[in-house]
C-alpha atoms as a PDB file:
ATOM      1  CA  MET A   1       2.808  14.649   1.164  1.00  0.00           C
ATOM      2  CA  GLU A   2       5.132  12.743  -1.172  1.00  0.00           C
ATOM      3  CA  ALA A   3       4.391  10.827  -4.377  1.00  0.00           C
ATOM      4  CA  GLY A   4       5.693   7.504  -5.359  1.00  0.00           C
ATOM      5  CA  ARG A   5       7.044   6.133  -2.062  1.00  0.00           C
ATOM      6  CA  GLY A   6       6.191   2.738  -0.512  1.00  0.00           C
ATOM      7  CA  PHE A   7       3.518   2.319   2.056  1.00  0.00           C
ATOM      8  CA  GLY A   8       4.295   2.042   5.770  1.00  0.00           C
ATOM      9  CA  TYR A   9       2.251  -1.119   6.326  1.00  0.00           C
ATOM     10  CA  GLY A  10       2.438  -3.536   9.008  1.00  0.00           C
ATOM     11  CA  PRO A  11       1.576  -5.425  11.955  1.00  0.00           C
ATOM     12  CA  ALA A  12       4.306  -7.880  12.515  1.00  0.00           C
ATOM     13  CA  MET A  13       3.788 -11.528  11.685  1.00  0.00           C
ATOM     14  CA  SER A  14       1.999 -13.593  14.327  1.00  0.00           C
ATOM     15  CA  ASN A  15       5.039 -15.804  14.674  1.00  0.00           C
ATOM     16  CA  ALA A  16       7.456 -12.946  14.917  1.00  0.00           C
ATOM     17  CA  PRO A  17      10.494 -13.290  17.189  1.00  0.00           C
ATOM     18  CA  SER A  18      10.197 -11.878  20.706  1.00  0.00           C
ATOM     19  CA  THR A  19      13.649 -10.568  21.677  1.00  0.00           C
ATOM     20  CA  ILE A  20      15.233  -7.432  20.272  1.00  0.00           C
ATOM     21  CA  GLY A  21      18.132  -9.462  18.919  1.00  0.00           C
ATOM     22  CA  ASP A  22      15.778 -11.814  17.064  1.00  0.00           C
ATOM     23  CA  HIS A  23      13.826  -8.863  15.685  1.00  0.00           C
ATOM     24  CA  LEU A  24      16.950  -7.171  14.369  1.00  0.00           C
ATOM     25  CA  ARG A  25      18.293 -10.345  12.802  1.00  0.00           C
ATOM     26  CA  ASP A  26      14.874 -11.096  11.218  1.00  0.00           C
ATOM     27  CA  TRP A  27      14.624  -7.595   9.660  1.00  0.00           C
ATOM     28  CA  ARG A  28      18.212  -7.634   8.530  1.00  0.00           C
ATOM     29  CA  LEU A  29      17.772 -10.914   6.731  1.00  0.00           C
ATOM     30  CA  ARG A  30      14.412  -9.693   5.188  1.00  0.00           C
ATOM     31  CA  ARG A  31      16.346  -6.694   3.852  1.00  0.00           C
ATOM     32  CA  ARG A  32      18.999  -9.120   2.491  1.00  0.00           C
ATOM     33  CA  MET A  33      21.747  -7.322   4.378  1.00  0.00           C
ATOM     34  CA  SER A  34      24.834  -8.979   5.967  1.00  0.00           C
ATOM     35  CA  GLN A  35      25.921  -8.002   9.409  1.00  0.00           C
ATOM     36  CA  MET A  36      28.808  -6.028   7.850  1.00  0.00           C
ATOM     37  CA  ASP A  37      26.364  -4.158   5.504  1.00  0.00           C
ATOM     38  CA  LEU A  38      24.143  -3.091   8.416  1.00  0.00           C
ATOM     39  CA  ALA A  39      27.002  -2.285  10.698  1.00  0.00           C
ATOM     40  CA  LEU A  40      28.515   0.057   8.016  1.00  0.00           C
ATOM     41  CA  GLU A  41      25.152   1.731   7.464  1.00  0.00           C
ATOM     42  CA  ALA A  42      24.663   2.268  11.185  1.00  0.00           C
ATOM     43  CA  ASP A  43      28.320   3.279  11.814  1.00  0.00           C
ATOM     44  CA  ILE A  44      28.898   0.611  14.392  1.00  0.00           C
ATOM     45  CA  SER A  45      31.217  -2.438  14.546  1.00  0.00           C
ATOM     46  CA  THR A  46      30.173  -5.774  13.133  1.00  0.00           C
ATOM     47  CA  ARG A  47      31.135  -7.291  16.496  1.00  0.00           C
ATOM     48  CA  HIS A  48      28.724  -4.962  18.364  1.00  0.00           C
ATOM     49  CA  LEU A  49      25.895  -5.740  15.965  1.00  0.00           C
ATOM     50  CA  SER A  50      26.536  -9.456  16.421  1.00  0.00           C
ATOM     51  CA  PHE A  51      26.414  -8.999  20.227  1.00  0.00           C
ATOM     52  CA  LEU A  52      23.071  -7.146  19.838  1.00  0.00           C
ATOM     53  CA  GLU A  53      21.565  -9.880  17.713  1.00  0.00           C
ATOM     54  CA  THR A  54      22.725 -12.675  20.017  1.00  0.00           C
ATOM     55  CA  GLY A  55      21.614 -10.875  23.183  1.00  0.00           C
ATOM     56  CA  ARG A  56      25.130 -10.460  24.578  1.00  0.00           C
ATOM     57  CA  SER A  57      24.624  -6.639  24.498  1.00  0.00           C
ATOM     58  CA  GLN A  58      21.495  -4.578  25.054  1.00  0.00           C
ATOM     59  CA  PRO A  59      20.906  -1.669  22.641  1.00  0.00           C
ATOM     60  CA  SER A  60      20.111   1.814  23.833  1.00  0.00           C
ATOM     61  CA  ARG A  61      16.881   3.419  22.768  1.00  0.00           C
ATOM     62  CA  GLU A  62      18.812   5.567  20.314  1.00  0.00           C
ATOM     63  CA  MET A  63      20.515   2.494  18.803  1.00  0.00           C
ATOM     64  CA  VAL A  64      17.168   0.731  18.274  1.00  0.00           C
ATOM     65  CA  LEU A  65      15.869   3.745  16.386  1.00  0.00           C
ATOM     66  CA  ARG A  66      19.060   4.046  14.356  1.00  0.00           C
ATOM     67  CA  LEU A  67      19.067   0.424  13.246  1.00  0.00           C
ATOM     68  CA  ALA A  68      15.323   0.630  12.548  1.00  0.00           C
ATOM     69  CA  ASP A  69      15.972   3.629  10.312  1.00  0.00           C
ATOM     70  CA  ARG A  70      18.777   1.917   8.404  1.00  0.00           C
ATOM     71  CA  LEU A  71      16.599  -1.136   7.919  1.00  0.00           C
ATOM     72  CA  ASP A  72      13.653   0.998   6.655  1.00  0.00           C
ATOM     73  CA  ILE A  73      11.319  -0.607   9.236  1.00  0.00           C
ATOM     74  CA  PRO A  74       7.712   0.760   9.307  1.00  0.00           C
ATOM     75  CA  LEU A  75       6.747   2.827  12.241  1.00  0.00           C
ATOM     76  CA  ARG A  76       4.383   0.233  13.663  1.00  0.00           C
ATOM     77  CA  GLU A  77       7.193  -2.383  13.815  1.00  0.00           C
ATOM     78  CA  ARG A  78       9.627   0.243  15.208  1.00  0.00           C
ATOM     79  CA  ASN A  79       7.389   0.453  18.245  1.00  0.00           C
ATOM     80  CA  ILE A  80       7.493  -3.336  18.524  1.00  0.00           C
ATOM     81  CA  LEU A  81      11.323  -3.291  18.462  1.00  0.00           C
ATOM     82  CA  LEU A  82      11.400  -0.593  21.156  1.00  0.00           C
ATOM     83  CA  VAL A  83       9.051  -2.600  23.409  1.00  0.00           C
ATOM     84  CA  SER A  84      11.066  -5.771  22.916  1.00  0.00           C
ATOM     85  CA  ALA A  85      14.164  -3.856  24.008  1.00  0.00           C
ATOM     86  CA  GLY A  86      12.419  -2.638  27.132  1.00  0.00           C
ATOM     87  CA  TYR A  87      11.562   0.907  25.956  1.00  0.00           C
ATOM     88  CA  ALA A  88       8.277   2.669  25.575  1.00  0.00           C
ATOM     89  CA  PRO A  89       6.868   3.178  22.009  1.00  0.00           C
ATOM     90  CA  VAL A  90       7.665   6.575  20.542  1.00  0.00           C
ATOM     91  CA  TYR A  91       5.271   6.651  17.607  1.00  0.00           C
ATOM     92  CA  SER A  92       1.639   7.475  18.364  1.00  0.00           C
ATOM     93  CA  GLN A  93      -1.221   5.594  16.786  1.00  0.00           C
ATOM     94  CA  ARG A  94      -4.466   7.682  16.615  1.00  0.00           C
ATOM     95  CA  SER A  95      -7.811   7.161  14.921  1.00  0.00           C
ATOM     96  CA  LEU A  96      -8.399   9.228  11.836  1.00  0.00           C
ATOM     97  CA  ASP A  97     -11.167  10.875  13.781  1.00  0.00           C
ATOM     98  CA  ASP A  98      -8.697  12.124  16.387  1.00  0.00           C
ATOM     99  CA  PRO A  99      -8.517  16.012  16.391  1.00  0.00           C
ATOM    100  CA  ALA A 100      -4.670  15.733  16.116  1.00  0.00           C
ATOM    101  CA  LEU A 101      -5.102  14.315  12.645  1.00  0.00           C
ATOM    102  CA  ALA A 102      -7.788  16.784  11.508  1.00  0.00           C
ATOM    103  CA  ALA A 103      -5.301  18.709   9.346  1.00  0.00           C
ATOM    104  CA  ALA A 104      -4.132  15.503   7.660  1.00  0.00           C
ATOM    105  CA  ARG A 105      -7.705  14.301   7.056  1.00  0.00           C
ATOM    106  CA  GLN A 106      -8.524  17.701   5.534  1.00  0.00           C
ATOM    107  CA  ALA A 107      -5.481  17.420   3.259  1.00  0.00           C
ATOM    108  CA  ILE A 108      -6.700  14.020   2.091  1.00  0.00           C
ATOM    109  CA  ASP A 109     -10.231  15.336   1.349  1.00  0.00           C
ATOM    110  CA  LEU A 110      -8.773  18.313  -0.534  1.00  0.00           C
ATOM    111  CA  VAL A 111      -6.632  16.027  -2.704  1.00  0.00           C
ATOM    112  CA  LEU A 112      -9.481  13.724  -3.424  1.00  0.00           C
ATOM    113  CA  ARG A 113     -11.970  16.516  -4.337  1.00  0.00           C
ATOM    114  CA  GLY A 114      -9.289  18.415  -6.298  1.00  0.00           C
ATOM    115  CA  HIS A 115      -8.687  15.347  -8.482  1.00  0.00           C
ATOM    116  CA  GLU A 116     -12.276  15.286  -9.827  1.00  0.00           C
ATOM    117  CA  PRO A 117     -13.548  14.583 -12.435  1.00  0.00           C
ATOM    118  CA  TYR A 118     -11.036  11.775 -12.267  1.00  0.00           C
ATOM    119  CA  PRO A 119     -11.336   9.040  -9.620  1.00  0.00           C
ATOM    120  CA  ALA A 120      -9.186   8.960  -6.496  1.00  0.00           C
ATOM    121  CA  LEU A 121      -9.351   7.079  -3.187  1.00  0.00           C
ATOM    122  CA  ALA A 122      -7.495   6.800   0.107  1.00  0.00           C
ATOM    123  CA  VAL A 123      -6.605   3.370   1.568  1.00  0.00           C
ATOM    124  CA  ASP A 124      -5.041   2.130   4.763  1.00  0.00           C
ATOM    125  CA  ARG A 125      -2.283  -0.394   5.182  1.00  0.00           C
ATOM    126  CA  HIS A 126      -4.521  -3.346   4.234  1.00  0.00           C
ATOM    127  CA  TRP A 127      -6.012  -1.656   1.222  1.00  0.00           C
ATOM    128  CA  SER A 128      -9.259  -0.934   3.017  1.00  0.00           C
ATOM    129  CA  LEU A 129     -11.113   2.071   1.657  1.00  0.00           C
ATOM    130  CA  VAL A 130     -10.848   5.124   3.902  1.00  0.00           C
ATOM    131  CA  ALA A 131     -12.260   7.806   1.606  1.00  0.00           C
ATOM    132  CA  ALA A 132     -13.082   8.406  -2.083  1.00  0.00           C
ATOM    133  CA  ASN A 133     -14.150  11.277  -4.400  1.00  0.00           C
ATOM    134  CA  GLY A 134     -17.381  11.484  -6.271  1.00  0.00           C
ATOM    135  CA  ALA A 135     -15.820  10.167  -9.488  1.00  0.00           C
ATOM    136  CA  LEU A 136     -15.080   6.673  -8.202  1.00  0.00           C
ATOM    137  CA  MET A 137     -18.432   5.057  -7.521  1.00  0.00           C
ATOM    138  CA  PRO A 138     -19.817   5.594 -11.135  1.00  0.00           C
ATOM    139  CA  LEU A 139     -16.894   3.583 -12.319  1.00  0.00           C
ATOM    140  CA  VAL A 140     -17.558   0.707  -9.912  1.00  0.00           C
ATOM    141  CA  GLY A 141     -21.050   0.077 -11.308  1.00  0.00           C
ATOM    142  CA  THR A 142     -22.970  -3.076 -10.326  1.00  0.00           C
ATOM    143  CA  VAL A 143     -20.953  -5.473  -8.227  1.00  0.00           C
ATOM    144  CA  ASP A 144     -21.667  -8.084  -5.494  1.00  0.00           C
ATOM    145  CA  PRO A 145     -23.117  -5.972  -2.665  1.00  0.00           C
ATOM    146  CA  ALA A 146     -21.092  -8.046  -0.172  1.00  0.00           C
ATOM    147  CA  LEU A 147     -17.865  -6.493  -1.629  1.00  0.00           C
ATOM    148  CA  LEU A 148     -19.198  -2.998  -0.749  1.00  0.00           C
ATOM    149  CA  LYS A 149     -19.806  -3.774   2.950  1.00  0.00           C
ATOM    150  CA  PRO A 150     -17.324  -1.864   5.100  1.00  0.00           C
ATOM    151  CA  PRO A 151     -14.435  -2.274   5.282  1.00  0.00           C
ATOM    152  CA  VAL A 152     -14.224  -2.306   1.499  1.00  0.00           C
ATOM    153  CA  ASN A 153     -10.955  -3.836   0.293  1.00  0.00           C
ATOM    154  CA  VAL A 154     -10.211  -2.233  -3.000  1.00  0.00           C
ATOM    155  CA  LEU A 155      -7.884  -4.999  -4.249  1.00  0.00           C
ATOM    156  CA  ARG A 156     -10.583  -7.655  -3.534  1.00  0.00           C
ATOM    157  CA  LEU A 157     -13.126  -5.396  -5.295  1.00  0.00           C
ATOM    158  CA  SER A 158     -10.883  -5.216  -8.304  1.00  0.00           C
ATOM    159  CA  LEU A 159     -10.032  -8.855  -8.825  1.00  0.00           C
ATOM    160  CA  HIS A 160     -12.947 -10.762  -7.256  1.00  0.00           C
ATOM    161  CA  PRO A 161     -15.223 -12.515  -9.781  1.00  0.00           C
ATOM    162  CA  GLY A 162     -18.200 -10.646  -8.351  1.00  0.00           C
ATOM    163  CA  GLY A 163     -16.324  -7.398  -8.530  1.00  0.00           C
ATOM    164  CA  LEU A 164     -14.723  -5.553 -11.393  1.00  0.00           C
ATOM    165  CA  ALA A 165     -12.826  -8.485 -12.825  1.00  0.00           C
ATOM    166  CA  SER A 166     -15.188  -9.254 -15.721  1.00  0.00           C
ATOM    167  CA  ARG A 167     -14.940  -5.596 -16.846  1.00  0.00           C
ATOM    168  CA  ILE A 168     -11.183  -5.328 -16.772  1.00  0.00           C
ATOM    169  CA  VAL A 169     -10.131  -5.776 -20.428  1.00  0.00           C
ATOM    170  CA  ASN A 170      -6.439  -6.505 -19.615  1.00  0.00           C
ATOM    171  CA  PHE A 171      -7.287  -8.525 -16.582  1.00  0.00           C
ATOM    172  CA  SER A 172      -4.245 -10.819 -16.555  1.00  0.00           C
ATOM    173  CA  GLU A 173      -1.870  -7.930 -16.963  1.00  0.00           C
ATOM    174  CA  TRP A 174      -3.679  -5.840 -14.214  1.00  0.00           C
ATOM    175  CA  ARG A 175      -3.716  -8.901 -11.958  1.00  0.00           C
ATOM    176  CA  ASP A 176      -0.031  -9.401 -12.342  1.00  0.00           C
ATOM    177  CA  HIS A 177       0.624  -5.806 -11.598  1.00  0.00           C
ATOM    178  CA  ILE A 178      -1.486  -5.863  -8.348  1.00  0.00           C
ATOM    179  CA  LEU A 179       0.080  -9.130  -7.155  1.00  0.00           C
ATOM    180  CA  THR A 180       3.591  -7.827  -7.851  1.00  0.00           C
ATOM    181  CA  ARG A 181       2.870  -4.684  -5.910  1.00  0.00           C
ATOM    182  CA  LEU A 182       1.267  -6.598  -3.038  1.00  0.00           C
ATOM    183  CA  HIS A 183       4.280  -8.966  -2.903  1.00  0.00           C
ATOM    184  CA  ASP A 184       6.647  -6.001  -2.651  1.00  0.00           C
ATOM    185  CA  GLN A 185       4.621  -4.630   0.280  1.00  0.00           C
ATOM    186  CA  VAL A 186       4.700  -7.999   1.992  1.00  0.00           C
ATOM    187  CA  GLU A 187       8.531  -8.074   1.561  1.00  0.00           C
ATOM    188  CA  LEU A 188       8.729  -4.532   3.085  1.00  0.00           C
ATOM    189  CA  THR A 189       6.487  -5.102   6.007  1.00  0.00           C
ATOM    190  CA  ALA A 190       6.103  -8.851   6.858  1.00  0.00           C
ATOM    191  CA  ASP A 191       2.413  -8.169   7.313  1.00  0.00           C
ATOM    192  CA  ALA A 192       0.465 -11.400   7.936  1.00  0.00           C
ATOM    193  CA  THR A 193      -2.913  -9.853   6.789  1.00  0.00           C
ATOM    194  CA  LEU A 194      -1.343  -8.824   3.496  1.00  0.00           C
ATOM    195  CA  MET A 195       0.000 -12.333   3.046  1.00  0.00           C
ATOM    196  CA  LYS A 196      -3.393 -13.801   3.500  1.00  0.00           C
ATOM    197  CA  LEU A 197      -4.874 -11.199   1.100  1.00  0.00           C
ATOM    198  CA  MET A 198      -2.239 -12.105  -1.532  1.00  0.00           C
ATOM    199  CA  ASP A 199      -3.124 -15.805  -1.267  1.00  0.00           C
ATOM    200  CA  GLU A 200      -6.771 -15.023  -1.510  1.00  0.00           C
ATOM    201  CA  LEU A 201      -6.290 -12.872  -4.672  1.00  0.00           C
ATOM    202  CA  ARG A 202      -4.071 -15.471  -6.297  1.00  0.00           C
ATOM    203  CA  ALA A 203      -6.811 -18.052  -5.837  1.00  0.00           C
ATOM    204  CA  TYR A 204      -9.456 -16.076  -7.710  1.00  0.00           C
ATOM    205  CA  PRO A 205     -10.335 -17.573 -11.114  1.00  0.00           C
ATOM    206  CA  ALA A 206      -9.759 -15.448 -14.164  1.00  0.00           C
ATOM    207  CA  PRO A 207     -13.041 -14.242 -15.843  1.00  0.00           C
ATOM    208  CA  SER A 208     -14.039 -15.996 -19.022  1.00  0.00           C
ATOM    209  CA  GLY A 209     -12.129 -14.668 -21.979  1.00  0.00           C
ATOM    210  CA  ALA A 210      -9.584 -12.749 -19.907  1.00  0.00           C
ATOM    211  CA  SER A 211      -6.824 -11.397 -22.076  1.00  0.00           C
ATOM    212  CA  ARG A 212      -3.339 -10.276 -21.245  1.00  0.00           C
ATOM    213  CA  ALA A 213      -3.693  -7.409 -23.678  1.00  0.00           C
ATOM    214  CA  PRO A 214      -0.126  -7.923 -24.941  1.00  0.00           C
ATOM    215  CA  HIS A 215       0.005  -4.599 -26.741  1.00  0.00           C
ATOM    216  CA  SER A 216      -0.916  -2.332 -23.801  1.00  0.00           C
ATOM    217  CA  ARG A 217       2.635  -2.022 -22.397  1.00  0.00           C
ATOM    218  CA  GLN A 218       3.962  -1.350 -25.840  1.00  0.00           C
ATOM    219  CA  ASP A 219       1.382   1.293 -26.369  1.00  0.00           C
ATOM    220  CA  TYR A 220       2.519   3.077 -23.191  1.00  0.00           C
ATOM    221  CA  ALA A 221       6.287   2.734 -23.920  1.00  0.00           C
ATOM    222  CA  GLY A 222       6.670   0.002 -21.295  1.00  0.00           C
ATOM    223  CA  VAL A 223       6.742   2.594 -18.433  1.00  0.00           C
ATOM    224  CA  LEU A 224       3.402   1.889 -16.868  1.00  0.00           C
ATOM    225  CA  VAL A 225       0.610  -0.658 -16.609  1.00  0.00           C
ATOM    226  CA  PRO A 226      -2.731   0.842 -17.508  1.00  0.00           C
ATOM    227  CA  LEU A 227      -6.121  -0.256 -16.181  1.00  0.00           C
ATOM    228  CA  GLN A 228      -8.443  -0.820 -19.134  1.00  0.00           C
ATOM    229  CA  LEU A 229     -11.989  -0.870 -17.737  1.00  0.00           C
ATOM    230  CA  ARG A 230     -15.102  -1.539 -19.757  1.00  0.00           C
ATOM    231  CA  ALA A 231     -17.827   1.062 -19.239  1.00  0.00           C
ATOM    232  CA  GLU A 232     -21.178   1.911 -20.936  1.00  0.00           C
ATOM    233  CA  GLU A 233     -19.420   4.419 -23.218  1.00  0.00           C
ATOM    234  CA  GLY A 234     -16.546   2.147 -24.175  1.00  0.00           C
ATOM    235  CA  VAL A 235     -13.235   1.086 -22.763  1.00  0.00           C
ATOM    236  CA  LEU A 236     -11.636   3.533 -20.322  1.00  0.00           C
ATOM    237  CA  THR A 237      -7.802   3.489 -20.070  1.00  0.00           C
ATOM    238  CA  LEU A 238      -6.427   4.796 -16.840  1.00  0.00           C
ATOM    239  CA  PHE A 239      -3.036   4.907 -15.015  1.00  0.00           C
ATOM    240  CA  SER A 240      -2.504   5.548 -11.394  1.00  0.00           C
ATOM    241  CA  THR A 241      -0.186   7.340  -8.992  1.00  0.00           C
ATOM    242  CA  THR A 242       0.382   6.791  -5.272  1.00  0.00           C
ATOM    243  CA  THR A 243       0.784   9.501  -2.731  1.00  0.00           C
ATOM    244  CA  VAL A 244       1.830   9.112   0.907  1.00  0.00           C
ATOM    245  CA  PHE A 245       2.676  11.567   3.726  1.00  0.00           C
ATOM    246  CA  GLY A 246       6.335  12.324   3.529  1.00  0.00           C
ATOM    247  CA  THR A 247       7.355  12.870   7.180  1.00  0.00           C
ATOM    248  CA  PRO A 248       4.822  11.091   9.379  1.00  0.00           C
ATOM    249  CA  VAL A 249       5.518  10.313  13.047  1.00  0.00           C
ATOM    250  CA  ASP A 250       2.126   8.788  13.688  1.00  0.00           C
ATOM    251  CA  VAL A 251       1.584   5.123  12.794  1.00  0.00           C
ATOM    252  CA  THR A 252      -1.913   5.617  11.274  1.00  0.00           C
ATOM    253  CA  LEU A 253      -0.747   8.531   9.177  1.00  0.00           C
ATOM    254  CA  SER A 254       2.322   6.576   7.914  1.00  0.00           C
ATOM    255  CA  GLU A 255       0.026   3.867   6.692  1.00  0.00           C
ATOM    256  CA  LEU A 256      -2.363   5.937   4.587  1.00  0.00           C
ATOM    257  CA  ALA A 257      -2.001   6.284   0.848  1.00  0.00           C
ATOM    258  CA  ILE A 258      -3.933   8.033  -1.969  1.00  0.00           C
ATOM    259  CA  GLU A 259      -4.422   6.270  -5.256  1.00  0.00           C
ATOM    260  CA  ALA A 260      -5.245   8.762  -7.962  1.00  0.00           C
ATOM    261  CA  PHE A 261      -6.240   7.652 -11.457  1.00  0.00           C
ATOM    262  CA  PHE A 262      -5.667   9.702 -14.544  1.00  0.00           C
ATOM    263  CA  PRO A 263      -6.993   9.230 -18.105  1.00  0.00           C
ATOM    264  CA  ALA A 264      -4.355   7.768 -20.453  1.00  0.00           C
ATOM    265  CA  ASP A 265      -5.965   9.173 -23.621  1.00  0.00           C
ATOM    266  CA  PRO A 266      -8.273  12.034 -24.644  1.00  0.00           C
ATOM    267  CA  ASP A 267     -11.352   9.783 -25.133  1.00  0.00           C
ATOM    268  CA  THR A 268     -11.168   8.466 -21.589  1.00  0.00           C
ATOM    269  CA  ALA A 269     -10.788  12.047 -20.220  1.00  0.00           C
ATOM    270  CA  ALA A 270     -13.851  13.116 -22.156  1.00  0.00           C
ATOM    271  CA  VAL A 271     -15.920  10.198 -20.866  1.00  0.00           C
ATOM    272  CA  LEU A 272     -14.877  10.809 -17.200  1.00  0.00           C
ATOM    273  CA  ARG A 273     -15.890  14.447 -17.559  1.00  0.00           C
ATOM    274  CA  ARG A 274     -19.309  13.478 -18.873  1.00  0.00           C
ATOM    275  CA  MET A 275     -19.765  10.929 -16.102  1.00  0.00           C
ATOM    276  CA  ALA A 276     -18.918  13.513 -13.456  1.00  0.00           C
ATOM    277  CA  ALA A 277     -21.419  15.920 -14.952  1.00  0.00           C
ATOM    278  CA  ARG A 278     -24.206  13.343 -14.383  1.00  0.00           C
ATOM    279  CA  VAL A 279     -23.369  12.827 -10.723  1.00  0.00           C
ATOM    280  CA  PRO A 280     -25.912  14.711  -8.532  1.00  0.00           C
END
């Protein structure tokens, strides 16, 4: 598994183009590349790429995969490109319960348990909760029960007025961080569901008295955005890391990520250890 890489989210947008040429042009423009840029990356002529985009030439299976790799297209969408060019998909898509993914699921469970007493969770491409360790739920506390009905969307849980919003001390700063991250994922994937989620999160009202906590970034040298969460024992200050599988060839596996939270100060670490000790 690798830390710090982007998610492989996706399905394609509902109004996505249907021909392989339209797909290639759409992804090239989304990546803000000229035909010359992509042609140089793929080691082909600009003329040949132009013919592929206009339908005057039909790409081979290998060419589709080469261009998809240079365009950093998620695996789910690479299958769509292959089908649009008349080829069979090459990337499998299994349920997490599939025996073939047993080793990966075990790795996720080991990472989550090994991170205790600090909270960690695994999410899918739409930020739906897949698994969590025992340190997470004590932090959630009392929220609207509807937000905890599966599938639990962790971004909705964080920013919804009935969720954690009222307990996030630096709510405005944290909201900006989440929306920026979500926007980047939409740019990467063209995922219609993520677009709708982003619009939903943007529409949530800020809790009464929400503060931008202007000193928090200065306190952490401007290199990270902490989550400052109010708990019974005081304000907990956490920062997070993202871990994804480094060489997935399965769509489901490529779209999983682990969010692990760490204490940003000794007081937060001590509180989290005490909270974990109280968990049965």
